[in-house]
Amino acid sequence: MIRRSIDDGELAFYHCYNPARAGFGELVHVAGARWPIEECFGSGKNEVGLDNYQVRTWDAWHRHITVAMLAHTFLAVAEHQKKKKGGPL
């Protein structure tokens, strides 16, 4: 699958492993879901320290990621509610 950027015309190439024979529309949907996910992780790194862990065990890493994602969710919901009320951010 090949995708062309609307902004600059740059091409992105995807090699799709599709043993279940999903339709082309579903493949396009999955490929398009990548950018919101990357933006979410980027804002998590900037706002709640998602990438600032220095742990040695799986349990400690799992706790850190869980708390960071919970904090990120809280901030996203609070921002959404503030926008909904029409107040300044």
N, C-alpha and C. Protein backbone atom coordinates (compact mmCIF):
# COMPACT_ATOMS: atom_id res chain seq x y z
N MET A 1 0.86 -1.16 0.00
CA MET A 1 0.00 0.00 0.00
C MET A 1 0.91 1.23 0.00
N ILE A 2 0.53 2.25 -0.73
CA ILE A 2 1.28 3.50 -0.82
C ILE A 2 0.34 4.64 -0.45
N ARG A 3 0.83 5.54 0.40
CA ARG A 3 0.04 6.70 0.82
C ARG A 3 0.80 7.97 0.45
N ARG A 4 0.09 8.94 -0.09
CA ARG A 4 0.70 10.22 -0.44
C ARG A 4 0.22 11.28 0.54
N SER A 5 1.16 12.06 1.08
CA SER A 5 0.83 13.13 2.01
C SER A 5 0.12 14.26 1.29
N ILE A 6 -0.92 14.79 1.89
CA ILE A 6 -1.65 15.91 1.30
C ILE A 6 -0.80 17.18 1.33
N ASP A 7 -0.02 17.35 2.40
CA ASP A 7 0.76 18.57 2.58
C ASP A 7 1.89 18.73 1.56
N ASP A 8 2.76 17.71 1.50
CA ASP A 8 3.96 17.86 0.67
C ASP A 8 4.10 16.81 -0.43
N GLY A 9 3.14 15.92 -0.57
CA GLY A 9 3.19 14.91 -1.62
C GLY A 9 4.16 13.77 -1.35
N GLU A 10 4.73 13.73 -0.15
CA GLU A 10 5.68 12.67 0.21
C GLU A 10 4.95 11.33 0.24
N LEU A 11 5.63 10.28 -0.22
CA LEU A 11 5.03 8.95 -0.25
C LEU A 11 5.47 8.13 0.96
N ALA A 12 4.52 7.37 1.51
CA ALA A 12 4.80 6.42 2.58
C ALA A 12 4.40 5.05 2.07
N PHE A 13 5.27 4.07 2.27
CA PHE A 13 5.04 2.72 1.76
C PHE A 13 4.75 1.77 2.91
N TYR A 14 3.77 0.91 2.74
CA TYR A 14 3.38 -0.06 3.75
C TYR A 14 3.42 -1.45 3.14
N HIS A 15 4.02 -2.36 3.85
CA HIS A 15 3.95 -3.78 3.48
C HIS A 15 2.96 -4.40 4.44
N CYS A 16 1.83 -4.86 3.93
CA CYS A 16 0.73 -5.34 4.77
C CYS A 16 0.68 -6.85 4.78
N TYR A 17 0.87 -7.43 5.95
CA TYR A 17 0.67 -8.87 6.13
C TYR A 17 -0.81 -9.05 6.43
N ASN A 18 -1.52 -9.74 5.57
CA ASN A 18 -2.97 -9.79 5.64
C ASN A 18 -3.48 -11.21 5.42
N PRO A 19 -3.20 -12.15 6.35
CA PRO A 19 -3.64 -13.52 6.13
C PRO A 19 -5.16 -13.69 6.20
N ALA A 20 -5.85 -12.79 6.89
CA ALA A 20 -7.31 -12.89 7.01
C ALA A 20 -8.03 -12.26 5.83
N ARG A 21 -7.29 -11.69 4.90
CA ARG A 21 -7.84 -11.07 3.69
C ARG A 21 -8.81 -9.92 4.03
N ALA A 22 -8.38 -9.03 4.91
CA ALA A 22 -9.18 -7.85 5.23
C ALA A 22 -9.29 -6.98 3.99
N GLY A 23 -10.34 -6.22 3.91
CA GLY A 23 -10.55 -5.35 2.76
C GLY A 23 -9.58 -4.18 2.74
N PHE A 24 -9.43 -3.58 1.57
CA PHE A 24 -8.51 -2.46 1.41
C PHE A 24 -8.89 -1.29 2.31
N GLY A 25 -10.18 -1.03 2.46
CA GLY A 25 -10.64 0.06 3.32
C GLY A 25 -10.20 -0.12 4.76
N GLU A 26 -10.24 -1.35 5.25
CA GLU A 26 -9.81 -1.62 6.62
C GLU A 26 -8.30 -1.44 6.76
N LEU A 27 -7.54 -1.85 5.75
CA LEU A 27 -6.10 -1.64 5.79
C LEU A 27 -5.76 -0.16 5.82
N VAL A 28 -6.47 0.64 5.04
CA VAL A 28 -6.26 2.09 5.02
C VAL A 28 -6.60 2.68 6.39
N HIS A 29 -7.68 2.21 6.99
CA HIS A 29 -8.08 2.69 8.32
C HIS A 29 -7.00 2.39 9.36
N VAL A 30 -6.47 1.19 9.35
CA VAL A 30 -5.43 0.80 10.31
C VAL A 30 -4.16 1.62 10.09
N ALA A 31 -3.78 1.81 8.84
CA ALA A 31 -2.58 2.61 8.55
C ALA A 31 -2.77 4.06 8.99
N GLY A 32 -3.97 4.60 8.82
CA GLY A 32 -4.25 5.97 9.22
C GLY A 32 -4.32 6.16 10.72
N ALA A 33 -4.53 5.08 11.47
CA ALA A 33 -4.61 5.17 12.93
C ALA A 33 -3.24 5.38 13.55
N ARG A 34 -2.19 5.26 12.79
CA ARG A 34 -0.83 5.37 13.32
C ARG A 34 -0.54 6.78 13.85
N TRP A 35 -0.95 7.80 13.13
CA TRP A 35 -0.58 9.17 13.51
C TRP A 35 -1.22 9.62 14.82
N PRO A 36 -2.51 9.40 15.06
CA PRO A 36 -3.05 9.79 16.37
C PRO A 36 -2.37 9.05 17.53
N ILE A 37 -1.98 7.80 17.30
CA ILE A 37 -1.30 7.04 18.34
C ILE A 37 0.08 7.63 18.61
N GLU A 38 0.81 7.98 17.55
CA GLU A 38 2.12 8.60 17.73
C GLU A 38 2.00 9.95 18.43
N GLU A 39 0.98 10.73 18.10
CA GLU A 39 0.77 12.01 18.76
C GLU A 39 0.47 11.81 20.24
N CYS A 40 -0.30 10.77 20.56
CA CYS A 40 -0.62 10.47 21.96
C CYS A 40 0.65 10.13 22.74
N PHE A 41 1.49 9.28 22.19
CA PHE A 41 2.74 8.92 22.87
C PHE A 41 3.67 10.13 22.96
N GLY A 42 3.71 10.96 21.93
CA GLY A 42 4.55 12.16 21.97
C GLY A 42 4.11 13.11 23.06
N SER A 43 2.81 13.34 23.17
CA SER A 43 2.33 14.24 24.23
C SER A 43 2.51 13.60 25.60
N GLY A 44 2.40 12.28 25.69
CA GLY A 44 2.66 11.60 26.96
C GLY A 44 4.10 11.76 27.40
N LYS A 45 5.02 11.74 26.46
CA LYS A 45 6.43 11.95 26.79
C LYS A 45 6.67 13.38 27.24
N ASN A 46 6.02 14.36 26.59
CA ASN A 46 6.24 15.76 26.92
C ASN A 46 5.52 16.19 28.20
N GLU A 47 4.32 15.69 28.43
CA GLU A 47 3.49 16.21 29.50
C GLU A 47 3.56 15.42 30.81
N VAL A 48 3.70 14.11 30.73
CA VAL A 48 3.63 13.33 31.97
C VAL A 48 4.85 12.44 32.20
N GLY A 49 5.91 12.65 31.45
CA GLY A 49 7.15 11.91 31.68
C GLY A 49 7.07 10.43 31.35
N LEU A 50 6.36 10.11 30.29
CA LEU A 50 6.20 8.71 29.90
C LEU A 50 7.55 8.05 29.62
N ASP A 51 8.52 8.82 29.15
CA ASP A 51 9.81 8.25 28.80
C ASP A 51 10.87 8.44 29.89
N ASN A 52 10.49 8.93 31.05
CA ASN A 52 11.46 9.20 32.11
C ASN A 52 11.49 8.11 33.17
N TYR A 53 11.60 6.89 32.77
CA TYR A 53 11.67 5.82 33.75
C TYR A 53 13.07 5.24 33.77
N GLN A 54 13.52 4.93 34.96
CA GLN A 54 14.81 4.28 35.15
C GLN A 54 14.59 3.11 36.09
N VAL A 55 14.09 2.05 35.54
CA VAL A 55 13.71 0.88 36.35
C VAL A 55 14.46 -0.34 35.86
N ARG A 56 14.48 -1.34 36.69
CA ARG A 56 15.20 -2.56 36.36
C ARG A 56 14.31 -3.79 36.24
N THR A 57 13.08 -3.67 36.68
CA THR A 57 12.20 -4.85 36.64
C THR A 57 10.94 -4.54 35.83
N TRP A 58 10.32 -5.61 35.37
CA TRP A 58 9.09 -5.49 34.60
C TRP A 58 7.99 -4.85 35.45
N ASP A 59 7.85 -5.25 36.70
CA ASP A 59 6.78 -4.71 37.55
C ASP A 59 6.92 -3.20 37.73
N ALA A 60 8.13 -2.72 37.98
CA ALA A 60 8.33 -1.28 38.16
C ALA A 60 8.05 -0.52 36.88
N TRP A 61 8.47 -1.05 35.73
CA TRP A 61 8.20 -0.41 34.45
C TRP A 61 6.69 -0.36 34.21
N HIS A 62 6.01 -1.46 34.48
CA HIS A 62 4.57 -1.55 34.27
C HIS A 62 3.84 -0.53 35.15
N ARG A 63 4.24 -0.38 36.39
CA ARG A 63 3.62 0.60 37.28
C ARG A 63 3.84 2.02 36.76
N HIS A 64 5.06 2.32 36.33
CA HIS A 64 5.36 3.66 35.83
C HIS A 64 4.52 4.00 34.60
N ILE A 65 4.47 3.10 33.65
CA ILE A 65 3.71 3.33 32.43
C ILE A 65 2.22 3.48 32.75
N THR A 66 1.71 2.66 33.65
CA THR A 66 0.29 2.72 34.02
C THR A 66 -0.05 4.07 34.65
N VAL A 67 0.77 4.53 35.59
CA VAL A 67 0.50 5.81 36.24
C VAL A 67 0.65 6.97 35.24
N ALA A 68 1.64 6.91 34.38
CA ALA A 68 1.83 7.97 33.38
C ALA A 68 0.65 8.03 32.42
N MET A 69 0.17 6.89 31.96
CA MET A 69 -0.97 6.89 31.05
C MET A 69 -2.25 7.32 31.75
N LEU A 70 -2.41 6.99 33.01
CA LEU A 70 -3.56 7.45 33.78
C LEU A 70 -3.52 8.98 33.92
N ALA A 71 -2.35 9.54 34.20
CA ALA A 71 -2.21 10.99 34.30
C ALA A 71 -2.49 11.65 32.95
N HIS A 72 -2.02 11.05 31.88
CA HIS A 72 -2.26 11.59 30.54
C HIS A 72 -3.75 11.56 30.21
N THR A 73 -4.42 10.50 30.57
CA THR A 73 -5.87 10.40 30.34
C THR A 73 -6.61 11.47 31.13
N PHE A 74 -6.21 11.67 32.39
CA PHE A 74 -6.83 12.70 33.21
C PHE A 74 -6.68 14.08 32.56
N LEU A 75 -5.47 14.39 32.10
CA LEU A 75 -5.24 15.68 31.46
C LEU A 75 -6.05 15.85 30.17
N ALA A 76 -6.15 14.78 29.39
CA ALA A 76 -6.92 14.85 28.14
C ALA A 76 -8.40 15.08 28.42
N VAL A 77 -8.94 14.39 29.42
CA VAL A 77 -10.35 14.56 29.78
C VAL A 77 -10.59 15.96 30.32
N ALA A 78 -9.70 16.45 31.18
CA ALA A 78 -9.85 17.80 31.73
C ALA A 78 -9.80 18.85 30.63
N GLU A 79 -8.90 18.69 29.66
CA GLU A 79 -8.81 19.62 28.54
C GLU A 79 -10.07 19.58 27.70
N HIS A 80 -10.60 18.39 27.46
CA HIS A 80 -11.82 18.25 26.67
C HIS A 80 -13.00 18.93 27.37
N GLN A 81 -13.11 18.73 28.68
CA GLN A 81 -14.21 19.35 29.42
C GLN A 81 -14.08 20.88 29.41
N LYS A 82 -12.86 21.38 29.51
CA LYS A 82 -12.64 22.83 29.49
C LYS A 82 -13.02 23.40 28.11
N LYS A 83 -12.65 22.70 27.03
CA LYS A 83 -13.02 23.15 25.68
C LYS A 83 -14.53 23.14 25.51
N LYS A 84 -15.16 22.12 26.07
CA LYS A 84 -16.60 21.96 25.95
C LYS A 84 -17.34 23.13 26.63
N LYS A 85 -16.80 23.61 27.74
CA LYS A 85 -17.41 24.73 28.46
C LYS A 85 -17.08 26.07 27.81
N GLY A 86 -16.09 26.08 26.93
CA GLY A 86 -15.72 27.31 26.23
C GLY A 86 -14.76 28.19 26.98
N GLY A 87 -14.11 27.67 28.00
CA GLY A 87 -13.16 28.46 28.77
C GLY A 87 -11.79 28.47 28.12
N PRO A 88 -10.93 29.36 28.59
CA PRO A 88 -9.55 29.38 28.04
C PRO A 88 -8.79 28.15 28.49
N LEU A 89 -7.82 27.74 27.67
CA LEU A 89 -7.03 26.55 28.00
C LEU A 89 -5.93 26.86 28.94
